[in-house]
């Protein structure tokens, strides 16, 4: 059988999906090392960095996803892929360079933490210190395939708004 598309993105994300907990159950308070980019951070740590001016929050979801599912106030929209067909955003590199000051740090948010891993790797290739936000905006799907009930930006009570 042929190798599944996006396998190199899905496997690393699946290996680290969910919010990491330390031995006493506390949420991850420091970046977790990752291959090909600066690391993975919890939604809470990412938001803290943004609030402290230590990072720029980049939302790599499509325009349609942000409109339908919700937006994070202050996040810079730089889609990794766009509809129709979830085609690569040809302007991703240029838009990301405009959004993140030279020497700055970026925290990247997608729906579940898969596209943001790929985007963080690309940002790193561009010389940007980039972190993936674990769980993404909607978190992992539950037993009924519903999102937003098992982790994610919204579930963790971080700022967002509809439409």
N, C-alpha and C. Protein backbone atom coordinates (compact mmCIF):
# COMPACT_ATOMS: atom_id res chain seq x y z
N UNK A 1 0.84 -1.18 0.00
CA UNK A 1 0.00 0.00 0.00
C UNK A 1 0.88 1.24 0.00
N UNK A 2 0.42 2.31 -0.65
CA UNK A 2 1.21 3.56 -0.63
C UNK A 2 1.18 4.22 0.75
N UNK A 3 2.22 4.96 1.02
CA UNK A 3 2.31 5.68 2.30
C UNK A 3 1.19 6.73 2.37
N UNK A 4 0.45 6.78 3.47
CA UNK A 4 -0.65 7.76 3.57
C UNK A 4 -0.13 9.19 3.50
N UNK A 5 -0.95 10.05 2.87
CA UNK A 5 -0.61 11.47 2.81
C UNK A 5 -0.54 12.04 4.22
N UNK A 6 0.34 13.00 4.43
CA UNK A 6 0.47 13.74 5.67
C UNK A 6 0.90 12.88 6.86
N UNK A 7 1.43 11.69 6.58
CA UNK A 7 1.87 10.81 7.66
C UNK A 7 2.94 11.47 8.52
N UNK A 8 3.84 12.22 7.88
CA UNK A 8 4.92 12.87 8.64
C UNK A 8 4.40 13.98 9.55
N UNK A 9 3.21 14.49 9.29
CA UNK A 9 2.60 15.48 10.17
C UNK A 9 1.77 14.80 11.25
N UNK A 10 1.02 13.77 10.86
CA UNK A 10 0.07 13.15 11.79
C UNK A 10 0.75 12.36 12.90
N UNK A 11 1.76 11.58 12.57
CA UNK A 11 2.39 10.72 13.59
C UNK A 11 2.99 11.54 14.73
N UNK A 12 3.83 12.55 14.46
CA UNK A 12 4.36 13.32 15.60
C UNK A 12 3.26 13.99 16.43
N UNK A 13 2.24 14.50 15.76
CA UNK A 13 1.16 15.15 16.51
C UNK A 13 0.41 14.15 17.37
N UNK A 14 0.15 12.96 16.84
CA UNK A 14 -0.56 11.95 17.60
C UNK A 14 0.26 11.43 18.78
N UNK A 15 1.57 11.41 18.62
CA UNK A 15 2.42 10.96 19.71
C UNK A 15 2.38 11.91 20.89
N UNK A 16 2.05 13.16 20.63
CA UNK A 16 2.07 14.17 21.69
C UNK A 16 0.73 14.86 21.87
N UNK A 17 -0.36 14.26 21.37
CA UNK A 17 -1.64 14.94 21.51
C UNK A 17 -2.08 14.96 22.96
N UNK A 18 -2.91 15.90 23.28
CA UNK A 18 -3.35 16.06 24.66
C UNK A 18 -2.39 16.96 25.42
N UNK A 19 -2.86 17.48 26.52
CA UNK A 19 -2.02 18.38 27.30
C UNK A 19 -1.17 17.57 28.26
N UNK A 20 0.11 17.77 28.21
CA UNK A 20 1.03 17.04 29.06
C UNK A 20 0.81 17.43 30.52
N UNK A 21 0.86 16.44 31.39
CA UNK A 21 0.73 16.66 32.81
C UNK A 21 2.00 16.15 33.48
N UNK A 22 2.43 16.82 34.53
CA UNK A 22 3.58 16.31 35.26
C UNK A 22 3.09 15.31 36.31
N UNK A 23 3.98 14.84 37.16
CA UNK A 23 3.67 13.77 38.09
C UNK A 23 2.51 14.11 39.03
N UNK A 24 2.34 15.35 39.43
CA UNK A 24 1.26 15.69 40.35
C UNK A 24 0.01 16.21 39.63
N UNK A 25 -0.05 16.07 38.29
CA UNK A 25 -1.23 16.44 37.53
C UNK A 25 -1.28 17.89 37.11
N UNK A 26 -0.26 18.67 37.40
CA UNK A 26 -0.26 20.07 37.01
C UNK A 26 -0.02 20.19 35.51
N UNK A 27 -0.60 21.21 34.91
CA UNK A 27 -0.44 21.42 33.46
C UNK A 27 1.00 21.77 33.13
N UNK A 28 1.40 21.42 31.94
CA UNK A 28 2.74 21.71 31.44
C UNK A 28 3.05 23.20 31.56
N UNK A 29 4.11 23.55 32.27
CA UNK A 29 4.46 24.95 32.48
C UNK A 29 5.76 25.35 31.79
N UNK A 30 6.34 24.43 31.04
CA UNK A 30 7.56 24.72 30.29
C UNK A 30 7.43 24.04 28.94
N UNK A 31 8.09 24.56 27.93
CA UNK A 31 8.02 23.92 26.61
C UNK A 31 8.55 22.49 26.65
N UNK A 32 7.96 21.66 25.83
CA UNK A 32 8.44 20.28 25.67
C UNK A 32 9.24 20.24 24.37
N UNK A 33 10.39 19.63 24.42
CA UNK A 33 11.28 19.54 23.27
C UNK A 33 10.58 18.81 22.12
N UNK A 34 10.79 19.29 20.91
CA UNK A 34 10.23 18.68 19.71
C UNK A 34 11.29 18.63 18.63
N UNK A 35 11.09 17.80 17.66
CA UNK A 35 12.05 17.67 16.56
C UNK A 35 11.65 18.58 15.41
N UNK A 36 12.55 19.44 15.00
CA UNK A 36 12.31 20.28 13.83
C UNK A 36 11.75 21.66 14.12
N UNK A 37 11.44 21.95 15.37
CA UNK A 37 10.95 23.27 15.77
C UNK A 37 11.24 23.44 17.26
N UNK A 38 10.96 24.62 17.80
CA UNK A 38 11.38 24.94 19.17
C UNK A 38 10.75 24.05 20.23
N UNK A 39 9.51 23.65 20.07
CA UNK A 39 8.89 22.78 21.05
C UNK A 39 7.38 22.91 21.09
N UNK A 40 6.78 22.16 22.02
CA UNK A 40 5.34 22.17 22.23
C UNK A 40 5.04 22.87 23.54
N UNK A 41 3.97 23.66 23.57
CA UNK A 41 3.56 24.35 24.78
C UNK A 41 2.07 24.13 25.02
N UNK A 42 1.68 24.21 26.27
CA UNK A 42 0.26 24.10 26.61
C UNK A 42 -0.46 25.37 26.15
N UNK A 43 -1.77 25.30 25.96
CA UNK A 43 -2.51 26.52 25.62
C UNK A 43 -2.32 27.61 26.67
N UNK A 44 -2.32 27.25 27.94
CA UNK A 44 -2.17 28.25 29.01
C UNK A 44 -0.81 28.94 28.95
N UNK A 45 0.25 28.17 28.71
CA UNK A 45 1.58 28.77 28.63
C UNK A 45 1.69 29.67 27.40
N UNK A 46 1.13 29.22 26.29
CA UNK A 46 1.14 30.05 25.07
C UNK A 46 0.44 31.38 25.33
N UNK A 47 -0.73 31.34 25.98
CA UNK A 47 -1.48 32.56 26.25
C UNK A 47 -0.70 33.47 27.20
N UNK A 48 -0.04 32.87 28.18
CA UNK A 48 0.78 33.66 29.11
C UNK A 48 1.89 34.39 28.35
N UNK A 49 2.57 33.71 27.45
CA UNK A 49 3.63 34.32 26.66
C UNK A 49 3.07 35.48 25.83
N UNK A 50 1.91 35.27 25.22
CA UNK A 50 1.29 36.31 24.39
C UNK A 50 0.96 37.52 25.25
N UNK A 51 0.35 37.28 26.39
CA UNK A 51 -0.03 38.37 27.30
C UNK A 51 1.19 39.14 27.81
N UNK A 52 2.30 38.44 28.01
CA UNK A 52 3.53 39.06 28.51
C UNK A 52 4.36 39.70 27.40
N UNK A 53 3.89 39.60 26.14
CA UNK A 53 4.63 40.15 25.02
C UNK A 53 5.85 39.33 24.62
N UNK A 54 5.88 38.07 25.05
CA UNK A 54 7.02 37.19 24.74
C UNK A 54 6.84 36.41 23.45
N UNK A 55 5.64 36.42 22.88
CA UNK A 55 5.38 35.66 21.66
C UNK A 55 4.21 36.27 20.90
N UNK A 56 4.18 35.99 19.61
CA UNK A 56 3.07 36.38 18.75
C UNK A 56 2.23 35.13 18.52
N UNK A 57 0.92 35.24 18.74
CA UNK A 57 0.01 34.12 18.50
C UNK A 57 -0.40 34.11 17.04
N UNK A 58 -0.07 33.02 16.36
CA UNK A 58 -0.38 32.86 14.94
C UNK A 58 -1.43 31.76 14.81
N UNK A 59 -2.59 32.09 14.24
CA UNK A 59 -3.65 31.12 14.01
C UNK A 59 -3.51 30.60 12.59
N UNK A 60 -3.11 29.34 12.44
CA UNK A 60 -2.85 28.79 11.11
C UNK A 60 -4.06 28.07 10.51
N UNK A 61 -5.22 28.17 11.16
CA UNK A 61 -6.44 27.58 10.60
C UNK A 61 -6.89 28.37 9.37
N UNK A 62 -7.73 27.77 8.58
CA UNK A 62 -8.24 28.45 7.39
C UNK A 62 -9.18 29.58 7.80
N UNK A 63 -9.40 30.51 6.89
CA UNK A 63 -10.33 31.62 7.14
C UNK A 63 -11.71 31.06 7.51
N UNK A 64 -12.13 30.02 6.79
CA UNK A 64 -13.45 29.42 7.04
C UNK A 64 -13.53 28.84 8.45
N UNK A 65 -12.50 28.16 8.89
CA UNK A 65 -12.51 27.58 10.25
C UNK A 65 -12.63 28.66 11.32
N UNK A 66 -11.87 29.72 11.15
CA UNK A 66 -11.94 30.80 12.14
C UNK A 66 -13.33 31.42 12.17
N UNK A 67 -13.95 31.56 11.00
CA UNK A 67 -15.28 32.14 10.93
C UNK A 67 -16.34 31.21 11.52
N UNK A 68 -16.27 29.92 11.21
CA UNK A 68 -17.30 28.98 11.64
C UNK A 68 -17.13 28.54 13.08
N UNK A 69 -15.91 28.31 13.52
CA UNK A 69 -15.66 27.67 14.81
C UNK A 69 -15.33 28.67 15.91
N UNK A 70 -14.65 29.74 15.57
CA UNK A 70 -14.31 30.75 16.56
C UNK A 70 -12.93 31.32 16.33
N UNK A 71 -12.72 32.50 16.87
CA UNK A 71 -11.46 33.22 16.70
C UNK A 71 -10.88 33.56 18.05
N UNK A 72 -9.58 33.73 18.09
CA UNK A 72 -8.89 34.15 19.30
C UNK A 72 -8.55 35.63 19.14
N UNK A 73 -9.07 36.48 20.02
CA UNK A 73 -8.75 37.91 19.91
C UNK A 73 -7.24 38.15 19.96
N UNK A 74 -6.77 38.96 19.04
CA UNK A 74 -5.35 39.29 18.99
C UNK A 74 -4.49 38.32 18.21
N UNK A 75 -5.03 37.16 17.85
CA UNK A 75 -4.25 36.20 17.07
C UNK A 75 -4.09 36.73 15.65
N UNK A 76 -2.93 36.51 15.07
CA UNK A 76 -2.68 36.92 13.70
C UNK A 76 -3.06 35.76 12.78
N UNK A 77 -4.02 35.96 11.87
CA UNK A 77 -4.41 34.88 10.97
C UNK A 77 -3.40 34.71 9.83
N UNK A 78 -2.75 33.56 9.82
CA UNK A 78 -1.82 33.21 8.74
C UNK A 78 -2.11 31.75 8.41
N UNK A 79 -3.06 31.54 7.53
CA UNK A 79 -3.51 30.18 7.22
C UNK A 79 -2.38 29.34 6.64
N UNK A 80 -2.27 28.10 7.11
CA UNK A 80 -1.32 27.14 6.54
C UNK A 80 -1.89 26.63 5.22
N UNK A 81 -3.17 26.30 5.23
CA UNK A 81 -3.88 25.85 4.03
C UNK A 81 -5.21 26.58 3.97
N UNK A 82 -5.77 26.68 2.75
CA UNK A 82 -7.03 27.38 2.56
C UNK A 82 -7.98 26.57 1.69
N UNK A 83 -9.25 26.85 1.86
CA UNK A 83 -10.26 26.30 0.96
C UNK A 83 -10.24 27.11 -0.32
N UNK A 84 -10.62 26.57 -1.46
CA UNK A 84 -11.13 25.22 -1.66
C UNK A 84 -10.01 24.18 -1.71
N UNK A 85 -10.33 23.02 -1.27
CA UNK A 85 -9.42 21.89 -1.37
C UNK A 85 -8.28 21.88 -0.36
N UNK A 86 -8.28 22.78 0.59
CA UNK A 86 -7.19 22.88 1.57
C UNK A 86 -5.83 22.94 0.87
N UNK A 87 -5.74 23.86 -0.07
CA UNK A 87 -4.49 24.09 -0.80
C UNK A 87 -3.52 24.89 0.07
N UNK A 88 -2.25 24.63 -0.09
CA UNK A 88 -1.22 25.36 0.65
C UNK A 88 -1.36 26.86 0.39
N UNK A 89 -1.19 27.64 1.42
CA UNK A 89 -1.23 29.09 1.31
C UNK A 89 0.11 29.55 0.72
N UNK A 90 0.09 29.99 -0.52
CA UNK A 90 1.31 30.42 -1.20
C UNK A 90 1.97 31.62 -0.52
N UNK A 91 1.21 32.36 0.26
CA UNK A 91 1.72 33.55 0.94
C UNK A 91 2.14 33.29 2.39
N UNK A 92 2.13 32.02 2.81
CA UNK A 92 2.41 31.70 4.21
C UNK A 92 3.74 32.30 4.69
N UNK A 93 4.81 32.06 3.96
CA UNK A 93 6.13 32.54 4.39
C UNK A 93 6.14 34.06 4.56
N UNK A 94 5.65 34.76 3.58
CA UNK A 94 5.67 36.23 3.62
C UNK A 94 4.78 36.75 4.75
N UNK A 95 3.60 36.17 4.91
CA UNK A 95 2.69 36.61 5.97
C UNK A 95 3.28 36.35 7.35
N UNK A 96 3.92 35.20 7.52
CA UNK A 96 4.52 34.87 8.81
C UNK A 96 5.67 35.82 9.13
N UNK A 97 6.49 36.11 8.15
CA UNK A 97 7.61 37.04 8.37
C UNK A 97 7.11 38.44 8.75
N UNK A 98 5.98 38.86 8.17
CA UNK A 98 5.40 40.16 8.53
C UNK A 98 4.84 40.15 9.96
N UNK A 99 4.32 39.02 10.38
CA UNK A 99 3.65 38.93 11.69
C UNK A 99 4.61 38.82 12.86
N UNK A 100 5.76 38.19 12.64
CA UNK A 100 6.69 37.93 13.75
C UNK A 100 7.94 38.79 13.56
N UNK A 101 8.22 39.69 14.51
CA UNK A 101 9.40 40.53 14.37
C UNK A 101 10.68 39.70 14.37
N UNK A 102 11.69 40.20 13.69
CA UNK A 102 12.97 39.50 13.64
C UNK A 102 13.46 39.23 15.06
N UNK A 103 13.85 37.99 15.30
CA UNK A 103 14.30 37.58 16.63
C UNK A 103 13.16 37.25 17.57
N UNK A 104 11.91 37.37 17.09
CA UNK A 104 10.74 37.11 17.92
C UNK A 104 10.39 35.64 18.00
N UNK A 105 9.40 35.37 18.79
CA UNK A 105 8.94 34.00 19.03
C UNK A 105 7.47 33.92 18.60
N UNK A 106 7.10 32.79 18.01
CA UNK A 106 5.73 32.57 17.58
C UNK A 106 5.17 31.32 18.26
N UNK A 107 3.89 31.39 18.65
CA UNK A 107 3.16 30.21 19.10
C UNK A 107 2.06 29.99 18.08
N UNK A 108 1.98 28.77 17.54
CA UNK A 108 1.10 28.48 16.43
C UNK A 108 -0.07 27.61 16.86
N UNK A 109 -1.26 28.02 16.44
CA UNK A 109 -2.51 27.37 16.83
C UNK A 109 -3.25 26.88 15.60
N UNK A 110 -3.70 25.63 15.62
CA UNK A 110 -4.57 25.11 14.57
C UNK A 110 -5.76 24.43 15.25
N UNK A 111 -6.48 23.60 14.56
CA UNK A 111 -7.66 22.96 15.14
C UNK A 111 -7.27 21.96 16.23
N UNK A 112 -6.30 21.08 15.93
CA UNK A 112 -6.00 20.00 16.87
C UNK A 112 -4.52 19.81 17.15
N UNK A 113 -3.66 20.59 16.53
CA UNK A 113 -2.23 20.45 16.78
C UNK A 113 -1.47 19.70 15.71
N UNK A 114 -2.07 19.45 14.56
CA UNK A 114 -1.37 18.76 13.46
C UNK A 114 -0.78 19.77 12.49
N UNK A 115 -1.62 20.64 11.94
CA UNK A 115 -1.10 21.64 11.00
C UNK A 115 -0.13 22.59 11.67
N UNK A 116 -0.34 22.89 12.94
CA UNK A 116 0.57 23.81 13.62
C UNK A 116 1.96 23.21 13.81
N UNK A 117 2.07 21.88 13.85
CA UNK A 117 3.39 21.24 13.89
C UNK A 117 4.10 21.48 12.57
N UNK A 118 3.39 21.23 11.47
CA UNK A 118 3.99 21.44 10.14
C UNK A 118 4.35 22.91 9.95
N UNK A 119 3.47 23.81 10.39
CA UNK A 119 3.73 25.25 10.25
C UNK A 119 4.90 25.68 11.13
N UNK A 120 5.03 25.09 12.32
CA UNK A 120 6.16 25.42 13.20
C UNK A 120 7.48 24.96 12.57
N UNK A 121 7.47 23.82 11.92
CA UNK A 121 8.68 23.36 11.23
C UNK A 121 9.05 24.32 10.12
N UNK A 122 8.06 24.76 9.36
CA UNK A 122 8.35 25.71 8.27
C UNK A 122 8.85 27.04 8.84
N UNK A 123 8.23 27.52 9.90
CA UNK A 123 8.67 28.77 10.53
C UNK A 123 10.12 28.65 10.98
N UNK A 124 10.48 27.52 11.53
CA UNK A 124 11.86 27.29 11.97
C UNK A 124 12.81 27.36 10.79
N UNK A 125 12.41 26.79 9.65
CA UNK A 125 13.24 26.87 8.44
C UNK A 125 13.43 28.33 8.02
N UNK A 126 12.45 29.18 8.33
CA UNK A 126 12.53 30.60 7.99
C UNK A 126 13.31 31.41 9.02
N UNK A 127 13.79 30.73 10.06
CA UNK A 127 14.58 31.41 11.09
C UNK A 127 13.77 31.97 12.24
N UNK A 128 12.52 31.55 12.36
CA UNK A 128 11.64 32.01 13.43
C UNK A 128 11.60 30.96 14.54
N UNK A 129 11.70 31.38 15.77
CA UNK A 129 11.56 30.47 16.90
C UNK A 129 10.07 30.19 17.06
N UNK A 130 9.66 28.96 16.75
CA UNK A 130 8.24 28.64 16.66
C UNK A 130 7.88 27.45 17.55
N UNK A 131 6.75 27.60 18.25
CA UNK A 131 6.22 26.57 19.13
C UNK A 131 4.82 26.15 18.67
N UNK A 132 4.54 24.87 18.78
CA UNK A 132 3.22 24.32 18.53
C UNK A 132 2.41 24.39 19.83
N UNK A 133 1.15 24.81 19.73
CA UNK A 133 0.26 24.80 20.90
C UNK A 133 -0.44 23.45 20.95
N UNK A 134 -0.15 22.69 22.00
CA UNK A 134 -0.76 21.37 22.17
C UNK A 134 -2.28 21.48 22.21
N UNK A 135 -2.95 20.47 21.70
CA UNK A 135 -4.41 20.34 21.70
C UNK A 135 -5.12 21.23 20.69
N UNK A 136 -4.46 22.27 20.19
CA UNK A 136 -5.09 23.15 19.22
C UNK A 136 -6.27 23.93 19.79
N UNK A 137 -7.10 24.44 18.91
CA UNK A 137 -8.25 25.25 19.31
C UNK A 137 -9.38 24.39 19.85
N UNK A 138 -9.61 23.23 19.21
CA UNK A 138 -10.77 22.40 19.55
C UNK A 138 -10.44 21.16 20.36
N UNK A 139 -9.18 20.79 20.49
CA UNK A 139 -8.83 19.58 21.23
C UNK A 139 -9.08 18.31 20.44
N UNK A 140 -8.81 17.20 21.09
CA UNK A 140 -9.01 15.89 20.46
C UNK A 140 -10.50 15.54 20.42
N UNK A 141 -10.85 14.68 19.48
CA UNK A 141 -12.23 14.21 19.39
C UNK A 141 -12.53 13.25 20.54
N UNK A 142 -13.77 13.31 21.05
CA UNK A 142 -14.17 12.38 22.11
C UNK A 142 -14.68 11.08 21.48
N UNK A 143 -15.28 10.20 22.27
CA UNK A 143 -15.77 8.92 21.78
C UNK A 143 -16.85 9.02 20.73
N UNK A 144 -17.53 10.15 20.67
CA UNK A 144 -18.57 10.37 19.66
C UNK A 144 -18.07 11.25 18.52
N UNK A 145 -16.77 11.44 18.44
CA UNK A 145 -16.11 12.24 17.39
C UNK A 145 -16.43 13.73 17.49
N UNK A 146 -16.85 14.19 18.66
CA UNK A 146 -17.09 15.61 18.87
C UNK A 146 -15.83 16.26 19.43
N UNK A 147 -15.55 17.45 18.95
CA UNK A 147 -14.40 18.20 19.46
C UNK A 147 -14.88 19.25 20.46
N UNK A 148 -13.92 19.80 21.22
CA UNK A 148 -14.26 20.83 22.18
C UNK A 148 -14.63 20.29 23.55
N UNK A 149 -14.53 18.97 23.73
CA UNK A 149 -14.89 18.36 25.01
C UNK A 149 -13.70 17.69 25.69
N UNK A 150 -12.58 17.61 24.98
CA UNK A 150 -11.37 16.97 25.51
C UNK A 150 -10.17 17.85 25.22
N UNK A 151 -10.03 18.90 25.94
CA UNK A 151 -8.88 19.77 25.77
C UNK A 151 -9.07 20.79 24.67
N UNK A 152 -8.04 21.57 24.46
CA UNK A 152 -8.08 22.61 23.45
C UNK A 152 -8.22 23.99 24.06
N UNK A 153 -7.96 24.98 23.24
CA UNK A 153 -7.99 26.38 23.65
C UNK A 153 -9.32 26.75 24.30
N UNK A 154 -10.42 26.46 23.61
CA UNK A 154 -11.75 26.81 24.13
C UNK A 154 -12.05 26.06 25.43
N UNK A 155 -11.81 24.77 25.43
CA UNK A 155 -12.10 23.93 26.60
C UNK A 155 -11.34 24.43 27.83
N UNK A 156 -10.14 24.93 27.63
CA UNK A 156 -9.30 25.41 28.74
C UNK A 156 -9.74 26.79 29.24
N UNK A 157 -10.77 27.37 28.60
CA UNK A 157 -11.31 28.64 29.07
C UNK A 157 -10.50 29.86 28.67
N UNK A 158 -9.69 29.72 27.64
CA UNK A 158 -8.89 30.86 27.17
C UNK A 158 -9.75 31.72 26.24
N UNK A 159 -9.37 32.99 26.04
CA UNK A 159 -10.22 33.92 25.28
C UNK A 159 -10.47 33.48 23.85
N UNK A 160 -11.72 33.60 23.44
CA UNK A 160 -12.13 33.36 22.06
C UNK A 160 -13.50 33.98 21.86
N UNK A 161 -13.87 34.15 20.62
CA UNK A 161 -15.19 34.67 20.30
C UNK A 161 -15.69 34.00 19.03
N UNK A 162 -16.99 33.97 18.88
CA UNK A 162 -17.59 33.39 17.67
C UNK A 162 -17.67 34.45 16.60
N UNK A 163 -17.27 34.03 15.36
CA UNK A 163 -17.41 34.90 14.19
C UNK A 163 -16.77 36.16 14.27
